[in-house]
Amino acid sequence: MLMTLIQKEIMHHILSVRFVALLLMCVLLIPLTLSISYRKYHQNLIDYQESVRRAQTEAKENPPNAQDPNTEVSKLFLKPTPLSVFVNGLEDALPTYLGMTRNGVRQSSTGLAQASVAYVLGNLDFLFIAGTVFSLLALLFTFDAVAGEREAGTLRISLSNSLPRDVFLWSKLIGGYIVFVVPFLVSFLFGLLLITWQGFPLGELKIALPVLGLTLISLLYIAVFFAIGVFISTYLDNAKTALIVAFTFWVFAVLVAPRGAFVIAKLVAPTRTQQSVYMEKNALRNNLKKDKDEKIWKKMVENMAETRTAAEGGGVAFNISLNDPAHQKRMDDIKGPIEEEFRLAFQNQADKIDRDYQREKERQEQIGEMISRIAPTSSLTYSAMNLTQTGKLKREIYFQTGERYYNQLDDTYFSEISDDALAQVIQVISQMDDSNDSPESESEKILPPPILLEPSFVETFRYSVVDVSLLCIFALAFTTLAFLKFFRSDI
């Protein structure tokens, strides 16, 4: 009986105008969007490779002047991920590179800095199609599943026979879902074949597994909205009213709730800007540099007075030469401990500023995420970004790698640079002498940027467990409520 009703429901949907609209959306949107997204990724990859090559060439031809605390001595570029073909995520929002300066890590302008007006309209990627377009189509497929038949009088006739109510409702859910997902999967498969033909590495396991996971999560998300549509249809007697309620719910769940949650979070937990944090660290360095210079100068004057007194007492002419190794050693003995003391003081206070700022941002983001998860669209978005490595996990790895790289440069390169004017002159003379003896240039003393590690599929799925679980809960909850209402309703 169930199979017969499912077949009847499938034929009903296939012969409807809604199925034609679904076919058009699937055939036109999914393959075309994937193809355009792959071309965009390919161009971003070319830009990344050119930027890395240009930075390496400039570093060799024009070594950076690290005496300036704001000069970027090295850059860690962000490599685009192939999975951004499906979900753009934070790819455009992240800085294209992290610049290493003595004041800390400085972020470059993001891709949004020169974005056109089209960015305001949003990204057209697979996540947008599944999360926005197909969620609306799912509600259009189910808003009159029960209300339409009740309004037409066919529901009473059907249930007057020996037809269990659960079988009737399951046929509505399963039949409509099959008609919906088959064109979706076929068009998605065609889109995958199209971009694979263009060069997308779908055959690699680290690409294929996330794509499979993204497909399954999309099917689960569609099932959630099918359950929501049937739930609305069982509670209302009029199909037009059910359509209005379903559309209102879609606007709130898809358009309002995910964005409004972060607006609320900004009001509840405001944060400072990245520029203000950078300026605060710059002011800290300048203040510490002033105190350090005064302390070094005082020590040098005392040492020169002692040296002069000792020289006059011994009947030796007092003379200072910048190239005198003994004099350089005395200066290093004076400045070394003071510079190390102030370097550690700056590093500790700058780290505290960064930690406070990161705590502010994380708290605001956690509040926004927690509120936004009242809508299933947010769960789809977060899990899809994690699986495709275009979300928080990619951002954390990027910035953590930049911090580790900065700490390495601080230990091996920045710590050897002095802000003292006399020390700078001595360093320049020393570098000129070293350049005559050794072909090693200034840029070769700087450690090369590390390679960004890619998280495994297990790790990305672990980050998505909460959101996948929420989608399952949404689907089960709305399905259960629909059955409970239908069993108790008076036909």
Protein backbone atom coordinates (compact mmCIF):
# COMPACT_ATOMS: atom_id res chain seq x y z
CA MET A 1 0.00 0.00 0.00
CA LEU A 2 2.78 2.40 0.91
CA MET A 3 4.60 1.82 -2.38
CA THR A 4 1.40 2.38 -4.34
CA LEU A 5 0.78 5.69 -2.60
CA ILE A 6 4.41 6.72 -3.10
CA GLN A 7 4.15 6.03 -6.83
CA LYS A 8 0.91 8.02 -6.95
CA GLU A 9 2.60 10.91 -5.15
CA ILE A 10 5.59 10.78 -7.51
CA MET A 11 3.36 10.95 -10.58
CA HIS A 12 1.40 13.81 -9.02
CA HIS A 13 4.56 15.86 -8.59
CA ILE A 14 6.06 14.97 -11.96
CA LEU A 15 2.97 16.21 -13.77
CA SER A 16 2.92 19.49 -11.84
CA VAL A 17 4.38 22.88 -12.78
CA ARG A 18 6.56 22.78 -9.67
CA PHE A 19 8.53 19.86 -11.08
CA VAL A 20 9.25 21.85 -14.25
CA ALA A 21 10.56 24.73 -12.12
CA LEU A 22 12.70 22.27 -10.15
CA LEU A 23 14.18 20.81 -13.33
CA LEU A 24 15.03 24.26 -14.67
CA MET A 25 16.72 25.23 -11.40
CA CYS A 26 18.73 22.02 -11.32
CA VAL A 27 19.78 21.99 -14.97
CA LEU A 28 20.64 25.67 -15.19
CA LEU A 29 21.91 26.62 -11.75
CA ILE A 30 24.03 23.77 -10.38
CA PRO A 31 26.33 22.92 -13.36
CA LEU A 32 26.66 26.57 -14.38
CA THR A 33 27.49 27.70 -10.84
CA LEU A 34 30.08 24.96 -10.33
CA SER A 35 31.72 25.80 -13.64
CA ILE A 36 31.91 29.52 -12.85
CA SER A 37 33.19 28.81 -9.33
CA TYR A 38 35.94 26.57 -10.69
CA ARG A 39 37.08 29.27 -13.12
CA LYS A 40 37.20 31.71 -10.21
CA TYR A 41 39.27 29.28 -8.12
CA HIS A 42 41.65 28.66 -11.02
CA GLN A 43 42.21 32.40 -11.43
CA ASN A 44 42.75 32.83 -7.68
CA LEU A 45 45.33 30.04 -7.77
CA ILE A 46 47.19 31.76 -10.60
CA ASP A 47 47.12 35.06 -8.67
CA TYR A 48 48.46 33.29 -5.57
CA GLN A 49 51.36 31.71 -7.46
CA GLU A 50 52.21 35.02 -9.11
CA SER A 51 52.12 36.86 -5.76
CA VAL A 52 54.47 34.33 -4.15
CA ARG A 53 56.88 34.53 -7.08
CA ARG A 54 56.84 38.34 -7.08
CA ALA A 55 57.44 38.49 -3.31
CA GLN A 56 60.43 36.15 -3.57
CA THR A 57 61.91 38.18 -6.43
CA GLU A 58 61.49 41.48 -4.60
CA ALA A 59 63.07 40.07 -1.44
CA LYS A 60 66.18 39.07 -3.39
CA GLU A 61 66.49 42.26 -5.42
CA ASN A 62 65.51 44.71 -2.66
CA PRO A 63 66.19 43.26 0.81
CA PRO A 64 63.80 44.72 3.40
CA ASN A 65 64.98 47.36 5.86
CA ALA A 66 64.08 45.69 9.13
CA GLN A 67 65.24 48.73 11.14
CA ASP A 68 61.79 50.16 10.44
CA PRO A 69 59.44 48.31 12.82
CA ASN A 70 56.57 48.65 10.31
CA THR A 71 58.43 47.09 7.36
CA GLU A 72 57.20 43.68 6.23
CA VAL A 73 60.28 41.48 6.00
CA SER A 74 58.34 38.42 4.85
CA LYS A 75 54.83 37.43 3.77
CA LEU A 76 52.75 34.33 4.40
CA PHE A 77 50.31 34.05 1.48
CA LEU A 78 46.94 32.31 1.71
CA LYS A 79 46.60 29.55 -0.86
CA PRO A 80 43.04 29.07 -2.18
CA THR A 81 41.49 25.69 -1.50
CA PRO A 82 39.99 23.65 -4.37
CA LEU A 83 36.85 23.00 -2.29
CA SER A 84 36.00 26.70 -2.45
CA VAL A 85 34.40 25.72 -5.77
CA PHE A 86 31.44 24.51 -3.72
CA VAL A 87 31.48 26.90 -0.76
CA ASN A 88 33.18 30.27 -0.96
CA GLY A 89 32.93 30.71 2.81
CA LEU A 90 35.57 33.03 4.29
CA GLU A 91 37.90 32.84 1.28
CA ASP A 92 37.25 36.44 0.19
CA ALA A 93 37.09 37.75 3.76
CA LEU A 94 40.52 36.48 4.83
CA PRO A 95 43.61 38.64 4.15
CA THR A 96 45.53 37.59 1.08
CA TYR A 97 48.74 37.46 3.12
CA LEU A 98 50.11 38.03 6.62
CA GLY A 99 53.03 40.45 6.73
CA MET A 100 55.76 39.90 9.34
CA THR A 101 56.96 43.14 10.98
CA ARG A 102 58.81 43.87 14.19
CA ASN A 103 55.57 45.26 15.57
CA GLY A 104 53.86 41.93 14.99
CA VAL A 105 51.78 40.29 12.30
CA ARG A 106 50.09 42.76 9.97
CA GLN A 107 47.18 41.67 7.81
CA SER A 108 46.93 42.72 4.19
CA SER A 109 43.74 44.04 2.69
CA THR A 110 41.20 41.33 1.99
CA GLY A 111 39.59 40.56 -1.33
CA LEU A 112 36.60 42.54 -0.12
CA ALA A 113 38.61 45.76 -0.02
CA GLN A 114 38.20 46.12 -3.78
CA ALA A 115 34.92 44.24 -4.11
CA SER A 116 32.37 45.53 -6.57
CA VAL A 117 28.76 46.35 -5.80
CA ALA A 118 27.91 42.79 -6.82
CA TYR A 119 29.33 41.54 -3.52
CA VAL A 120 26.39 43.15 -1.70
CA LEU A 121 24.08 40.76 -3.54
CA GLY A 122 25.94 37.74 -2.15
CA ASN A 123 27.92 34.82 -3.58
CA LEU A 124 26.34 32.44 -6.05
CA ASP A 125 27.85 29.11 -5.06
CA PHE A 126 26.58 25.62 -4.36
CA LEU A 127 25.94 26.47 -0.70
CA PHE A 128 23.68 29.35 -1.72
CA ILE A 129 21.75 27.15 -4.14
CA ALA A 130 21.24 24.35 -1.60
CA GLY A 131 20.64 26.59 1.40
CA THR A 132 18.45 29.26 -0.19
CA VAL A 133 16.95 28.13 -3.49
CA PHE A 134 16.25 24.47 -2.75
CA SER A 135 14.95 25.14 0.75
CA LEU A 136 12.29 27.37 -0.79
CA LEU A 137 11.50 24.79 -3.46
CA ALA A 138 11.17 22.10 -0.78
CA LEU A 139 8.53 24.18 1.01
CA LEU A 140 6.71 24.78 -2.29
CA PHE A 141 6.62 21.01 -2.80
CA THR A 142 5.06 20.29 0.59
CA PHE A 143 3.00 23.30 1.75
CA ASP A 144 -0.23 21.73 0.38
CA ALA A 145 0.63 18.08 1.04
CA VAL A 146 -2.15 17.78 3.61
CA ALA A 147 -3.85 21.19 3.57
CA GLY A 148 -4.48 20.97 -0.19
CA GLU A 149 -6.13 17.57 0.04
CA ARG A 150 -8.14 18.63 3.09
CA GLU A 151 -9.33 21.74 1.25
CA ALA A 152 -10.24 19.74 -1.87
CA GLY A 153 -12.07 17.09 0.17
CA THR A 154 -9.92 14.19 -1.09
CA LEU A 155 -8.33 13.67 2.32
CA ARG A 156 -11.62 12.61 3.91
CA ILE A 157 -12.31 10.23 1.05
CA SER A 158 -8.84 8.67 1.27
CA LEU A 159 -8.97 8.15 5.02
CA SER A 160 -12.54 6.84 4.95
CA ASN A 161 -11.07 3.65 3.53
CA SER A 162 -8.78 1.33 5.48
CA LEU A 163 -5.79 3.62 4.97
CA PRO A 164 -3.63 4.21 8.06
CA ARG A 165 -2.82 7.86 8.63
CA ASP A 166 0.89 7.20 9.10
CA VAL A 167 1.06 5.43 5.70
CA PHE A 168 -0.67 8.37 4.06
CA LEU A 169 1.72 10.91 5.59
CA TRP A 170 4.82 8.81 4.88
CA SER A 171 3.78 8.57 1.23
CA LYS A 172 3.62 12.37 1.06
CA LEU A 173 7.06 12.76 2.59
CA ILE A 174 8.87 9.96 0.75
CA GLY A 175 7.23 10.45 -2.64
CA GLY A 176 7.85 14.18 -2.73
CA TYR A 177 11.40 13.77 -1.45
CA ILE A 178 12.31 11.23 -4.14
CA VAL A 179 10.96 13.46 -6.90
CA PHE A 180 12.92 16.37 -5.44
CA VAL A 181 16.34 14.82 -4.81
CA VAL A 182 16.70 12.77 -8.01
CA PRO A 183 16.98 15.83 -10.32
CA PHE A 184 19.14 17.50 -7.68
CA LEU A 185 21.61 14.61 -7.54
CA VAL A 186 21.68 14.10 -11.32
CA SER A 187 22.41 17.78 -12.01
CA PHE A 188 25.03 17.84 -9.23
CA LEU A 189 26.73 14.78 -10.72
CA PHE A 190 26.69 16.43 -14.14
CA GLY A 191 28.25 19.55 -12.61
CA LEU A 192 30.99 17.44 -11.00
CA LEU A 193 31.77 15.79 -14.32
CA LEU A 194 31.89 19.20 -15.97
CA ILE A 195 34.44 20.73 -13.56
CA THR A 196 36.44 17.47 -13.50
CA TRP A 197 36.73 17.75 -17.26
CA GLN A 198 38.01 21.32 -16.74
CA GLY A 199 40.72 20.09 -14.35
CA PHE A 200 39.16 19.85 -10.90
CA PRO A 201 40.98 17.11 -8.86
CA LEU A 202 37.87 15.15 -7.86
CA GLY A 203 39.78 11.86 -8.05
CA GLU A 204 41.88 12.75 -4.99
CA LEU A 205 40.59 11.21 -1.77
CA LYS A 206 41.02 14.43 0.23
CA ILE A 207 38.68 16.12 -2.28
CA ALA A 208 36.20 13.30 -2.91
CA LEU A 209 35.39 12.65 0.76
CA PRO A 210 34.41 16.27 1.58
CA VAL A 211 32.34 16.44 -1.61
CA LEU A 212 30.50 13.27 -0.56
CA GLY A 213 29.98 14.68 2.92
CA LEU A 214 28.68 17.96 1.48
CA THR A 215 26.21 16.03 -0.70
CA LEU A 216 24.85 14.04 2.24
CA ILE A 217 24.49 17.15 4.40
CA SER A 218 22.64 18.92 1.58
CA LEU A 219 20.22 15.99 1.31
CA LEU A 220 19.68 16.09 5.06
CA TYR A 221 19.03 19.83 4.92
CA ILE A 222 16.45 19.36 2.15
CA ALA A 223 14.80 16.66 4.29
CA VAL A 224 14.53 19.20 7.13
CA PHE A 225 12.55 21.61 4.97
CA PHE A 226 10.38 18.80 3.64
CA ALA A 227 9.51 17.97 7.23
CA ILE A 228 8.85 21.65 7.97
CA GLY A 229 6.58 21.94 4.94
CA VAL A 230 4.54 18.88 5.90
CA PHE A 231 4.39 20.12 9.50
CA ILE A 232 2.92 23.45 8.38
CA SER A 233 0.51 21.70 6.03
CA THR A 234 -0.89 19.47 8.79
CA TYR A 235 -1.64 22.42 11.07
CA LEU A 236 -3.57 24.49 8.53
CA ASP A 237 -6.76 23.76 6.62
CA ASN A 238 -6.24 26.23 3.77
CA ALA A 239 -3.50 25.80 1.14
CA LYS A 240 -3.10 29.53 0.53
CA THR A 241 -2.65 30.19 4.22
CA ALA A 242 -0.15 27.33 4.40
CA LEU A 243 1.81 28.89 1.51
CA ILE A 244 1.96 32.27 3.26
CA VAL A 245 3.06 30.70 6.56
CA ALA A 246 5.65 28.53 4.80
CA PHE A 247 7.09 31.52 2.94
CA THR A 248 7.18 33.60 6.13
CA PHE A 249 9.00 30.80 7.93
CA TRP A 250 11.49 30.53 5.06
CA VAL A 251 12.25 34.27 5.18
CA PHE A 252 12.92 34.08 8.91
CA ALA A 253 14.89 30.82 8.89
CA VAL A 254 16.99 31.49 5.77
CA LEU A 255 17.32 35.26 5.47
CA VAL A 256 16.70 36.87 8.86
CA ALA A 257 17.85 34.57 11.67
CA PRO A 258 21.42 33.77 10.46
CA ARG A 259 22.23 37.45 9.86
CA GLY A 260 20.26 38.91 12.74
CA ALA A 261 22.03 36.66 15.24
CA PHE A 262 25.39 38.34 14.61
CA VAL A 263 23.83 41.80 14.75
CA ILE A 264 22.58 40.91 18.22
CA ALA A 265 26.03 39.53 19.11
CA LYS A 266 27.70 42.82 18.14
CA LEU A 267 25.34 44.70 20.43
CA VAL A 268 25.78 42.26 23.30
CA ALA A 269 29.58 41.84 23.02
CA PRO A 270 31.24 44.70 21.05
CA THR A 271 34.93 44.44 20.12
CA ARG A 272 37.77 46.71 19.02
CA THR A 273 38.92 46.92 15.41
CA GLN A 274 42.06 45.24 14.07
CA GLN A 275 43.53 48.62 13.17
CA SER A 276 43.10 49.94 16.70
CA VAL A 277 44.91 46.89 18.09
CA TYR A 278 47.80 47.39 15.66
CA MET A 279 48.05 51.08 16.57
CA GLU A 280 48.02 50.19 20.26
CA LYS A 281 50.97 47.84 19.77
CA ASN A 282 52.80 50.45 17.71
CA ALA A 283 52.34 53.02 20.48
CA LEU A 284 53.57 50.45 23.00
CA ARG A 285 56.75 49.85 21.00
CA ASN A 286 57.42 53.57 20.67
CA ASN A 287 57.00 54.14 24.41
CA LEU A 288 59.24 51.21 25.30
CA LYS A 289 61.80 52.31 22.71
CA LYS A 290 61.96 55.77 24.27
CA ASP A 291 62.57 54.32 27.73
CA LYS A 292 65.12 51.88 26.37
CA ASP A 293 67.06 54.56 24.48
CA GLU A 294 67.24 56.72 27.58
CA LYS A 295 68.50 53.81 29.66
CA ILE A 296 71.09 52.75 27.05
CA TRP A 297 72.31 56.31 26.55
CA LYS A 298 72.70 56.78 30.28
CA LYS A 299 74.71 53.57 30.59
CA MET A 300 76.88 54.49 27.58
CA VAL A 301 77.65 57.95 28.97
CA GLU A 302 78.65 56.41 32.30
CA ASN A 303 80.85 53.86 30.52
CA MET A 304 82.49 56.48 28.31
CA ALA A 305 83.20 58.64 31.37
CA GLU A 306 84.78 55.69 33.17
CA THR A 307 86.82 54.81 30.07
CA ARG A 308 87.98 58.41 29.63
CA THR A 309 89.00 58.65 33.27
CA ALA A 310 90.90 55.39 33.07
CA ALA A 311 92.64 56.46 29.84
CA GLU A 312 93.68 59.87 31.24
CA GLY A 313 94.86 58.25 34.44
CA GLY A 314 97.06 55.91 32.45
CA GLY A 315 98.42 58.68 30.25
CA VAL A 316 96.79 57.27 27.13
CA ALA A 317 94.98 59.42 24.58
CA PHE A 318 91.23 58.91 24.69
CA ASN A 319 89.99 57.78 21.28
CA ILE A 320 86.85 55.90 20.11
CA SER A 321 86.59 54.04 16.80
CA LEU A 322 83.38 52.50 15.61
CA ASN A 323 85.37 49.73 13.92
CA ASP A 324 87.27 48.93 17.11
CA PRO A 325 86.22 45.37 18.11
CA ALA A 326 86.91 46.10 21.77
CA HIS A 327 84.65 49.14 21.68
CA GLN A 328 81.91 47.21 19.90
CA LYS A 329 82.13 44.48 22.52
CA ARG A 330 81.77 47.01 25.34
CA MET A 331 78.73 48.53 23.64
CA ASP A 332 77.19 45.10 23.10
CA ASP A 333 77.77 44.21 26.73
CA ILE A 334 75.93 47.38 27.76
CA LYS A 335 73.06 47.22 25.29
CA GLY A 336 72.53 43.49 25.15
CA PRO A 337 70.81 42.98 28.52
CA ILE A 338 68.80 46.21 28.18
CA GLU A 339 67.56 45.40 24.67
CA GLU A 340 66.64 41.87 25.69
CA GLU A 341 64.74 43.20 28.70
CA PHE A 342 62.71 45.62 26.62
CA ARG A 343 62.19 43.09 23.80
CA LEU A 344 60.67 40.65 26.26
CA ALA A 345 58.59 43.44 27.81
CA PHE A 346 57.18 44.39 24.40
CA GLN A 347 56.54 40.77 23.45
CA ASN A 348 54.70 40.03 26.70
CA GLN A 349 52.54 43.16 26.56
CA ALA A 350 51.85 42.76 22.82
CA ASP A 351 50.83 39.13 23.38
CA LYS A 352 48.46 40.28 26.13
CA ILE A 353 46.87 42.81 23.76
CA ASP A 354 46.45 40.12 21.10
CA ARG A 355 44.99 37.62 23.57
CA ASP A 356 42.49 40.16 24.88
CA TYR A 357 41.45 41.06 21.35
CA GLN A 358 41.09 37.42 20.33
CA ARG A 359 38.97 36.70 23.40
CA GLU A 360 36.70 39.59 22.52
CA LYS A 361 36.28 38.36 18.94
CA GLU A 362 35.78 34.72 19.93
CA ARG A 363 33.15 35.63 22.52
CA GLN A 364 31.24 37.75 20.02
CA GLU A 365 31.43 35.06 17.36
CA GLN A 366 30.38 32.28 19.74
CA ILE A 367 27.34 34.29 20.83
CA GLY A 368 26.39 34.92 17.20
CA GLU A 369 26.82 31.26 16.24
CA MET A 370 24.84 30.05 19.23
CA ILE A 371 21.89 32.34 18.44
CA SER A 372 22.00 31.66 14.70
CA ARG A 373 21.71 27.90 15.19
CA ILE A 374 18.00 28.30 15.89
CA ALA A 375 17.74 28.17 12.08
CA PRO A 376 18.76 25.01 10.15
CA THR A 377 20.35 27.16 7.43
CA SER A 378 23.10 28.19 9.85
CA SER A 379 23.89 24.56 10.65
CA LEU A 380 24.16 23.77 6.95
CA THR A 381 26.45 26.75 6.40
CA TYR A 382 28.80 25.97 9.28
CA SER A 383 29.09 22.26 8.48
CA ALA A 384 29.59 22.94 4.75
CA MET A 385 32.34 25.51 5.43
CA ASN A 386 34.11 23.11 7.77
CA LEU A 387 34.01 20.22 5.30
CA THR A 388 35.25 22.38 2.42
CA GLN A 389 37.94 24.08 4.58
CA THR A 390 36.62 27.57 3.91
CA GLY A 391 35.38 28.40 7.41
CA LYS A 392 36.65 28.90 10.95
CA LEU A 393 39.00 25.91 10.83
CA LYS A 394 40.83 27.30 7.80
CA ARG A 395 40.99 30.75 9.41
CA GLU A 396 42.38 29.38 12.67
CA ILE A 397 45.08 27.36 10.91
CA TYR A 398 46.01 30.39 8.79
CA PHE A 399 46.42 32.80 11.69
CA GLN A 400 48.05 30.25 13.99
CA THR A 401 50.62 29.47 11.30
CA GLY A 402 51.26 33.20 10.93
CA GLU A 403 51.80 33.58 14.69
CA ARG A 404 54.21 30.64 14.79
CA TYR A 405 56.10 32.05 11.84
CA TYR A 406 56.34 35.44 13.53
CA ASN A 407 57.67 33.83 16.73
CA GLN A 408 60.35 32.03 14.72
CA LEU A 409 61.39 35.27 13.03
CA ASP A 410 61.37 37.06 16.38
CA ASP A 411 63.78 34.50 17.84
CA THR A 412 66.10 34.22 14.85
CA TYR A 413 65.96 37.65 13.19
CA PHE A 414 64.03 40.45 14.92
CA SER A 415 65.79 39.90 18.27
CA GLU A 416 69.14 40.78 16.65
CA ILE A 417 67.94 44.19 15.44
CA SER A 418 68.48 47.21 17.65
CA ASP A 419 66.59 50.52 17.65
CA ASP A 420 69.58 52.41 19.02
CA ALA A 421 70.95 54.93 16.49
CA LEU A 422 74.59 54.14 17.20
CA ALA A 423 73.90 50.43 17.09
CA GLN A 424 72.24 50.85 13.71
CA VAL A 425 75.36 52.56 12.34
CA ILE A 426 77.52 49.75 13.69
CA GLN A 427 75.20 47.14 12.23
CA VAL A 428 75.34 48.80 8.81
CA ILE A 429 79.14 48.84 8.90
CA SER A 430 79.18 45.23 10.05
CA GLN A 431 76.81 44.22 7.26
CA MET A 432 79.03 45.96 4.71
CA ASP A 433 82.06 44.11 6.02
CA ASP A 434 80.15 40.81 6.04
CA SER A 435 78.98 41.36 2.48
CA ASN A 436 82.61 41.51 1.35
CA ASP A 437 83.39 38.22 3.09
CA SER A 438 80.19 36.28 2.49
CA PRO A 439 77.73 36.32 -0.41
CA GLU A 440 74.79 35.79 1.97
CA SER A 441 72.27 38.62 1.55
CA GLU A 442 69.89 40.05 4.13
CA SER A 443 66.92 38.23 2.65
CA GLU A 444 68.67 34.87 3.03
CA LYS A 445 68.87 35.38 6.80
CA ILE A 446 65.06 35.43 6.99
CA LEU A 447 63.33 32.10 7.41
CA PRO A 448 61.05 31.23 4.46
CA PRO A 449 57.29 31.14 5.13
CA PRO A 450 55.95 27.75 6.24
CA ILE A 451 53.42 25.73 4.28
CA LEU A 452 49.82 25.90 5.47
CA LEU A 453 48.72 22.49 6.71
CA GLU A 454 45.40 21.11 5.49
CA PRO A 455 43.16 19.44 8.10
CA SER A 456 42.11 15.85 7.51
CA PHE A 457 38.56 14.85 6.66
CA VAL A 458 38.14 13.34 10.14
CA GLU A 459 39.10 16.64 11.74
CA THR A 460 36.78 18.69 9.55
CA PHE A 461 33.92 16.28 10.21
CA ARG A 462 34.58 16.49 13.95
CA TYR A 463 34.04 20.24 13.75
CA SER A 464 30.74 19.60 11.93
CA VAL A 465 29.26 17.02 14.32
CA VAL A 466 27.23 19.57 16.29
CA ASP A 467 25.64 21.11 13.20
CA VAL A 468 24.94 17.75 11.55
CA SER A 469 23.33 16.58 14.78
CA LEU A 470 21.18 19.71 14.86
CA LEU A 471 19.98 19.05 11.32
CA CYS A 472 19.01 15.50 12.32
CA ILE A 473 17.17 16.85 15.37
CA PHE A 474 15.32 19.40 13.22
CA ALA A 475 14.24 16.72 10.76
CA LEU A 476 13.09 14.30 13.47
CA ALA A 477 11.37 16.99 15.54
CA PHE A 478 9.30 18.48 12.71
CA THR A 479 8.44 15.03 11.34
CA THR A 480 7.29 13.88 14.78
CA LEU A 481 5.21 17.01 15.33
CA ALA A 482 3.60 16.60 11.90
CA PHE A 483 2.61 13.00 12.67
CA LEU A 484 1.30 13.88 16.14
CA LYS A 485 -0.85 16.67 14.76
CA PHE A 486 -2.12 14.56 11.87
CA PHE A 487 -3.07 11.68 14.17
CA ARG A 488 -5.03 14.00 16.47
CA SER A 489 -6.68 16.14 13.81
CA ASP A 490 -10.36 15.76 13.02
CA ILE A 491 -10.69 15.03 9.32
